[in-house]
Every structure is written in structure tokens, then in C-alpha cells.
Amino acid sequence: MGEHEDAFNYFKTALEIAEQEHDLHGESNALINIGDLFSGFGEYEKAVNCYQNSLSISRKIGDIPGEGKTLFALGNTYMDIGNRYQDFNKVKEAIIFYKEALSIAEERDDKWKIGSVLGGLGNSYLILGEYSKAKNLFEEKLKVAQCIGDRKGEANAIGNLGVIFYNCNEHTKALEFYQR
């Protein structure tokens, strides 16, 4: 826990300073960082609380990039909850957050964020067994990743397409993707 505890203490101190200085942007960032730590430890309720507070601040001050980042974090957290506890309603909530984050990323023409959000959406539909939607999203993610030279994103999309083909009993096609 040591390094994580240190990180938590630094983020908490950053939050306290931002609050004292009435630095809403700093508060929002510190809350995202604290939420990420909570989420990483599976303390989802605390993570969601941090993210919701960050989202409220971002919207209040018109911090569109911060809003998108927080929506993406909420999507990731709800997808994790849904996947861990087989709670498909949480996965559906994740999709709502991801769609909002995608809209912001597209408005800002942020290709890296678009690719990340498409991956989150694809994973959500994969969990729900909606393979056609997941396939379309991973194909789109693959195109974005290739366009911006994101080799990790490319590998992720290809691997997930392989999973989809495997789950759809298209084993030859799955093998093609796994071998890419």
C-alpha cells in the first residue's frame, strides 16, 4: 500500500490546497486522481463520489476537457462494477457516460480520447453480449488507432475483435485476428 498511500496523501493535500485557494480546476483534477485510486482498489462508491464531484465542478466552470475526462472515468468505473459483479445495469450506465465522453472528444477532435472511449464502449457491449455493436466500435477504434499511430490501441482493438469472432463461433476469423 505504501506508494498508493503516499499518492493518496499527496492528492488529498492537493485537494485541500485547491479548496483553500478556491481553485476549482485544481479541485476537479485532485478529485479525479483520488477517484482513480479508489477505483483501482475496488472502492467504487468512493470513486464514483469523487468523479461526480469533479464532474459537477467541471460543468460549473465550463471545463469541457475536464468534463470529458471525468465522464470517461465514470464510464470505466461503472463498466468495472458491472463486469466484476455481473450487474448489466451498471454496464448500461457506463455506456451512457461513455457516449457523453465520446461526444465531447469528437467535438474537440481529440483522436486519442476518441479511440479510448470507443474501446470502453466496445468493451461494454462485449460484456453485454451485443457483439455486433462491439465489433463496429472496435473496428472504428482500430481505424482511429491506425490513423494516429497508436500501436497499443491497435493491438487492443485487434485482440477484442478476435474475442468477438471467437464468441460468435467464427474460430477461423478469430485466429486471423489473434495472429495479427
C-alpha atoms as a PDB file:
ATOM      1  CA  MET A   1       0.000   0.000   0.000  1.00  0.00           C
ATOM      2  CA  GLY A   2       2.932   2.366   0.734  1.00  0.00           C
ATOM      3  CA  GLU A   3       3.251   4.156  -2.604  1.00  0.00           C
ATOM      4  CA  HIS A   4      -0.506   4.267  -3.067  1.00  0.00           C
ATOM      5  CA  GLU A   5      -0.931   5.693   0.399  1.00  0.00           C
ATOM      6  CA  ASP A   6       1.681   8.326  -0.410  1.00  0.00           C
ATOM      7  CA  ALA A   7      -0.123   9.139  -3.648  1.00  0.00           C
ATOM      8  CA  PHE A   8      -3.434   9.398  -1.802  1.00  0.00           C
ATOM      9  CA  ASN A   9      -1.900  11.773   0.755  1.00  0.00           C
ATOM     10  CA  TYR A  10      -0.416  13.961  -1.986  1.00  0.00           C
ATOM     11  CA  PHE A  11      -3.717  14.085  -3.865  1.00  0.00           C
ATOM     12  CA  LYS A  12      -5.597  14.839  -0.639  1.00  0.00           C
ATOM     13  CA  THR A  13      -3.157  17.656   0.146  1.00  0.00           C
ATOM     14  CA  ALA A  14      -3.552  18.994  -3.400  1.00  0.00           C
ATOM     15  CA  LEU A  15      -7.334  18.942  -2.934  1.00  0.00           C
ATOM     16  CA  GLU A  16      -7.087  20.793   0.384  1.00  0.00           C
ATOM     17  CA  ILE A  17      -4.832  23.468  -1.111  1.00  0.00           C
ATOM     18  CA  ALA A  18      -7.100  23.876  -4.138  1.00  0.00           C
ATOM     19  CA  GLU A  19     -10.102  24.265  -1.838  1.00  0.00           C
ATOM     20  CA  GLN A  20      -8.287  26.848   0.300  1.00  0.00           C
ATOM     21  CA  GLU A  21      -7.253  28.796  -2.796  1.00  0.00           C
ATOM     22  CA  HIS A  22     -10.704  28.476  -4.391  1.00  0.00           C
ATOM     23  CA  ASP A  23      -9.042  26.791  -7.377  1.00  0.00           C
ATOM     24  CA  LEU A  24     -11.955  24.843  -8.815  1.00  0.00           C
ATOM     25  CA  HIS A  25      -9.905  23.421 -11.679  1.00  0.00           C
ATOM     26  CA  GLY A  26      -7.349  22.107  -9.179  1.00  0.00           C
ATOM     27  CA  GLU A  27     -10.138  20.631  -7.040  1.00  0.00           C
ATOM     28  CA  SER A  28     -11.595  18.849 -10.035  1.00  0.00           C
ATOM     29  CA  ASN A  29      -8.215  17.372 -11.012  1.00  0.00           C
ATOM     30  CA  ALA A  30      -7.446  16.247  -7.467  1.00  0.00           C
ATOM     31  CA  LEU A  31     -10.854  14.590  -7.201  1.00  0.00           C
ATOM     32  CA  ILE A  32     -10.242  12.671 -10.438  1.00  0.00           C
ATOM     33  CA  ASN A  33      -6.883  11.480  -9.132  1.00  0.00           C
ATOM     34  CA  ILE A  34      -8.356  10.397  -5.811  1.00  0.00           C
ATOM     35  CA  GLY A  35     -11.230   8.698  -7.642  1.00  0.00           C
ATOM     36  CA  ASP A  36      -8.738   6.807  -9.807  1.00  0.00           C
ATOM     37  CA  LEU A  37      -7.016   5.482  -6.685  1.00  0.00           C
ATOM     38  CA  PHE A  38     -10.310   4.408  -5.111  1.00  0.00           C
ATOM     39  CA  SER A  39     -11.389   2.750  -8.346  1.00  0.00           C
ATOM     40  CA  GLY A  40      -8.090   0.905  -8.593  1.00  0.00           C
ATOM     41  CA  PHE A  41      -8.660  -0.524  -5.114  1.00  0.00           C
ATOM     42  CA  GLY A  42     -12.218  -1.531  -5.922  1.00  0.00           C
ATOM     43  CA  GLU A  43     -13.713   1.140  -3.666  1.00  0.00           C
ATOM     44  CA  TYR A  44     -16.183   2.053  -6.357  1.00  0.00           C
ATOM     45  CA  GLU A  45     -18.667   4.022  -4.284  1.00  0.00           C
ATOM     46  CA  LYS A  46     -15.918   6.381  -3.123  1.00  0.00           C
ATOM     47  CA  ALA A  47     -14.556   6.620  -6.669  1.00  0.00           C
ATOM     48  CA  VAL A  48     -17.966   7.484  -8.107  1.00  0.00           C
ATOM     49  CA  ASN A  49     -18.465  10.121  -5.409  1.00  0.00           C
ATOM     50  CA  CYS A  50     -15.136  11.758  -6.308  1.00  0.00           C
ATOM     51  CA  TYR A  51     -15.910  11.640 -10.020  1.00  0.00           C
ATOM     52  CA  GLN A  52     -19.415  13.053  -9.540  1.00  0.00           C
ATOM     53  CA  ASN A  53     -17.982  15.952  -7.531  1.00  0.00           C
ATOM     54  CA  SER A  54     -15.328  16.531 -10.191  1.00  0.00           C
ATOM     55  CA  LEU A  55     -17.952  16.421 -12.939  1.00  0.00           C
ATOM     56  CA  SER A  56     -20.099  18.960 -11.104  1.00  0.00           C
ATOM     57  CA  ILE A  57     -17.139  21.311 -10.760  1.00  0.00           C
ATOM     58  CA  SER A  58     -16.059  20.863 -14.395  1.00  0.00           C
ATOM     59  CA  ARG A  59     -19.550  21.687 -15.599  1.00  0.00           C
ATOM     60  CA  LYS A  60     -19.814  24.654 -13.239  1.00  0.00           C
ATOM     61  CA  ILE A  61     -16.607  26.239 -14.554  1.00  0.00           C
ATOM     62  CA  GLY A  62     -17.068  25.176 -18.185  1.00  0.00           C
ATOM     63  CA  ASP A  63     -14.022  22.896 -18.223  1.00  0.00           C
ATOM     64  CA  ILE A  64     -15.003  20.791 -21.232  1.00  0.00           C
ATOM     65  CA  PRO A  65     -11.801  18.672 -21.300  1.00  0.00           C
ATOM     66  CA  GLY A  66     -12.184  18.017 -17.559  1.00  0.00           C
ATOM     67  CA  GLU A  67     -15.814  17.058 -18.080  1.00  0.00           C
ATOM     68  CA  GLY A  68     -14.859  14.588 -20.798  1.00  0.00           C
ATOM     69  CA  LYS A  69     -12.084  13.096 -18.685  1.00  0.00           C
ATOM     70  CA  THR A  70     -14.437  12.648 -15.743  1.00  0.00           C
ATOM     71  CA  LEU A  71     -17.209  11.129 -17.867  1.00  0.00           C
ATOM     72  CA  PHE A  72     -14.680   8.634 -19.228  1.00  0.00           C
ATOM     73  CA  ALA A  73     -13.553   7.774 -15.681  1.00  0.00           C
ATOM     74  CA  LEU A  74     -17.176   7.259 -14.631  1.00  0.00           C
ATOM     75  CA  GLY A  75     -17.706   5.011 -17.640  1.00  0.00           C
ATOM     76  CA  ASN A  76     -14.647   2.947 -16.754  1.00  0.00           C
ATOM     77  CA  THR A  77     -15.729   2.616 -13.141  1.00  0.00           C
ATOM     78  CA  TYR A  78     -19.300   1.597 -13.931  1.00  0.00           C
ATOM     79  CA  MET A  79     -18.029  -0.897 -16.501  1.00  0.00           C
ATOM     80  CA  ASP A  80     -15.666  -2.359 -13.877  1.00  0.00           C
ATOM     81  CA  ILE A  81     -18.513  -2.631 -11.370  1.00  0.00           C
ATOM     82  CA  GLY A  82     -20.785  -4.253 -13.931  1.00  0.00           C
ATOM     83  CA  ASN A  83     -18.132  -6.685 -15.069  1.00  0.00           C
ATOM     84  CA  ARG A  84     -16.995  -7.626 -11.571  1.00  0.00           C
ATOM     85  CA  TYR A  85     -20.484  -8.170 -10.163  1.00  0.00           C
ATOM     86  CA  GLN A  86     -22.239  -9.198 -13.399  1.00  0.00           C
ATOM     87  CA  ASP A  87     -24.510  -6.173 -12.998  1.00  0.00           C
ATOM     88  CA  PHE A  88     -25.546  -5.359 -16.535  1.00  0.00           C
ATOM     89  CA  ASN A  89     -27.432  -2.241 -15.413  1.00  0.00           C
ATOM     90  CA  LYS A  90     -24.098  -0.767 -14.293  1.00  0.00           C
ATOM     91  CA  VAL A  91     -22.621  -1.604 -17.700  1.00  0.00           C
ATOM     92  CA  LYS A  92     -25.564   0.198 -19.317  1.00  0.00           C
ATOM     93  CA  GLU A  93     -24.827   3.214 -17.100  1.00  0.00           C
ATOM     94  CA  ALA A  94     -21.209   3.039 -18.276  1.00  0.00           C
ATOM     95  CA  ILE A  95     -22.431   3.263 -21.858  1.00  0.00           C
ATOM     96  CA  ILE A  96     -24.303   6.489 -21.082  1.00  0.00           C
ATOM     97  CA  PHE A  97     -21.154   8.069 -19.611  1.00  0.00           C
ATOM     98  CA  TYR A  98     -19.006   6.818 -22.483  1.00  0.00           C
ATOM     99  CA  LYS A  99     -21.409   8.260 -25.062  1.00  0.00           C
ATOM    100  CA  GLU A 100     -21.234  11.659 -23.367  1.00  0.00           C
ATOM    101  CA  ALA A 101     -17.431  11.448 -23.234  1.00  0.00           C
ATOM    102  CA  LEU A 102     -17.313  10.435 -26.899  1.00  0.00           C
ATOM    103  CA  SER A 103     -19.445  13.403 -27.886  1.00  0.00           C
ATOM    104  CA  ILE A 104     -17.019  15.763 -26.138  1.00  0.00           C
ATOM    105  CA  ALA A 105     -13.969  14.044 -27.638  1.00  0.00           C
ATOM    106  CA  GLU A 106     -15.481  14.280 -31.119  1.00  0.00           C
ATOM    107  CA  GLU A 107     -16.379  17.959 -30.655  1.00  0.00           C
ATOM    108  CA  ARG A 108     -12.767  18.611 -29.656  1.00  0.00           C
ATOM    109  CA  ASP A 109     -11.434  16.312 -32.414  1.00  0.00           C
ATOM    110  CA  ASP A 110      -9.324  14.527 -29.784  1.00  0.00           C
ATOM    111  CA  LYS A 111      -8.443  11.345 -31.663  1.00  0.00           C
ATOM    112  CA  TRP A 112      -6.607   9.756 -28.716  1.00  0.00           C
ATOM    113  CA  LYS A 113      -9.607  10.194 -26.443  1.00  0.00           C
ATOM    114  CA  ILE A 114     -11.980   9.076 -29.201  1.00  0.00           C
ATOM    115  CA  GLY A 115     -10.006   5.845 -29.517  1.00  0.00           C
ATOM    116  CA  SER A 116     -10.027   5.274 -25.764  1.00  0.00           C
ATOM    117  CA  VAL A 117     -13.746   5.911 -25.431  1.00  0.00           C
ATOM    118  CA  LEU A 118     -14.565   3.683 -28.411  1.00  0.00           C
ATOM    119  CA  GLY A 119     -12.637   0.939 -26.621  1.00  0.00           C
ATOM    120  CA  GLY A 120     -14.639   1.460 -23.440  1.00  0.00           C
ATOM    121  CA  LEU A 121     -17.891   1.393 -25.364  1.00  0.00           C
ATOM    122  CA  GLY A 122     -16.802  -1.708 -27.245  1.00  0.00           C
ATOM    123  CA  ASN A 123     -15.883  -3.483 -24.015  1.00  0.00           C
ATOM    124  CA  SER A 124     -19.241  -2.542 -22.514  1.00  0.00           C
ATOM    125  CA  TYR A 125     -21.166  -4.017 -25.419  1.00  0.00           C
ATOM    126  CA  LEU A 126     -18.878  -7.066 -25.348  1.00  0.00           C
ATOM    127  CA  ILE A 127     -19.802  -7.637 -21.685  1.00  0.00           C
ATOM    128  CA  LEU A 128     -23.482  -7.318 -22.594  1.00  0.00           C
ATOM    129  CA  GLY A 129     -23.061  -9.857 -25.388  1.00  0.00           C
ATOM    130  CA  GLU A 130     -24.020  -7.304 -28.037  1.00  0.00           C
ATOM    131  CA  TYR A 131     -21.310  -8.473 -30.386  1.00  0.00           C
ATOM    132  CA  SER A 132     -22.411  -6.597 -33.494  1.00  0.00           C
ATOM    133  CA  LYS A 133     -22.234  -3.238 -31.708  1.00  0.00           C
ATOM    134  CA  ALA A 134     -18.954  -4.188 -30.042  1.00  0.00           C
ATOM    135  CA  LYS A 135     -17.465  -5.273 -33.381  1.00  0.00           C
ATOM    136  CA  ASN A 136     -18.413  -1.978 -35.049  1.00  0.00           C
ATOM    137  CA  LEU A 137     -16.889   0.006 -32.194  1.00  0.00           C
ATOM    138  CA  PHE A 138     -13.639  -1.978 -32.179  1.00  0.00           C
ATOM    139  CA  GLU A 139     -13.363  -1.634 -35.950  1.00  0.00           C
ATOM    140  CA  GLU A 140     -13.791   2.117 -35.541  1.00  0.00           C
ATOM    141  CA  LYS A 141     -11.236   2.129 -32.706  1.00  0.00           C
ATOM    142  CA  LEU A 142      -8.825   0.220 -34.929  1.00  0.00           C
ATOM    143  CA  LYS A 143      -9.166   2.830 -37.700  1.00  0.00           C
ATOM    144  CA  VAL A 144      -8.577   5.683 -35.249  1.00  0.00           C
ATOM    145  CA  ALA A 145      -5.591   3.910 -33.694  1.00  0.00           C
ATOM    146  CA  GLN A 146      -4.035   3.296 -37.120  1.00  0.00           C
ATOM    147  CA  CYS A 147      -4.664   6.920 -38.108  1.00  0.00           C
ATOM    148  CA  ILE A 148      -2.809   8.317 -35.083  1.00  0.00           C
ATOM    149  CA  GLY A 149      -0.125   5.631 -34.829  1.00  0.00           C
ATOM    150  CA  ASP A 150      -1.413   4.201 -31.542  1.00  0.00           C
ATOM    151  CA  ARG A 151       0.071   0.697 -31.709  1.00  0.00           C
ATOM    152  CA  LYS A 152      -1.252  -0.311 -28.276  1.00  0.00           C
ATOM    153  CA  GLY A 153      -4.751   0.822 -29.242  1.00  0.00           C
ATOM    154  CA  GLU A 154      -4.410  -1.084 -32.494  1.00  0.00           C
ATOM    155  CA  ALA A 155      -3.369  -4.265 -30.663  1.00  0.00           C
ATOM    156  CA  ASN A 156      -6.216  -3.837 -28.182  1.00  0.00           C
ATOM    157  CA  ALA A 157      -8.819  -3.434 -30.929  1.00  0.00           C
ATOM    158  CA  ILE A 158      -7.472  -6.416 -32.901  1.00  0.00           C
ATOM    159  CA  GLY A 159      -7.457  -8.604 -29.788  1.00  0.00           C
ATOM    160  CA  ASN A 160     -11.013  -7.644 -28.918  1.00  0.00           C
ATOM    161  CA  LEU A 161     -12.160  -8.319 -32.479  1.00  0.00           C
ATOM    162  CA  GLY A 162     -10.627 -11.768 -32.097  1.00  0.00           C
ATOM    163  CA  VAL A 163     -12.612 -12.293 -28.892  1.00  0.00           C
ATOM    164  CA  ILE A 164     -15.816 -11.274 -30.640  1.00  0.00           C
ATOM    165  CA  PHE A 165     -15.259 -13.671 -33.538  1.00  0.00           C
ATOM    166  CA  TYR A 166     -14.379 -16.443 -31.088  1.00  0.00           C
ATOM    167  CA  ASN A 167     -17.540 -15.793 -29.042  1.00  0.00           C
ATOM    168  CA  CYS A 168     -19.575 -15.872 -32.260  1.00  0.00           C
ATOM    169  CA  ASN A 169     -18.091 -19.288 -33.125  1.00  0.00           C
ATOM    170  CA  GLU A 170     -16.144 -17.843 -36.050  1.00  0.00           C
ATOM    171  CA  HIS A 171     -12.945 -19.524 -34.905  1.00  0.00           C
ATOM    172  CA  THR A 172     -11.074 -19.232 -38.215  1.00  0.00           C
ATOM    173  CA  LYS A 173     -11.721 -15.497 -38.304  1.00  0.00           C
ATOM    174  CA  ALA A 174     -10.780 -15.212 -34.604  1.00  0.00           C
ATOM    175  CA  LEU A 175      -7.496 -16.964 -35.288  1.00  0.00           C
ATOM    176  CA  GLU A 176      -6.753 -14.500 -38.094  1.00  0.00           C
ATOM    177  CA  PHE A 177      -7.106 -11.625 -35.640  1.00  0.00           C
ATOM    178  CA  TYR A 178      -5.121 -13.340 -32.909  1.00  0.00           C
ATOM    179  CA  GLN A 179      -2.253 -13.890 -35.335  1.00  0.00           C
ATOM    180  CA  ARG A 180      -2.105 -10.254 -36.493  1.00  0.00           C
END
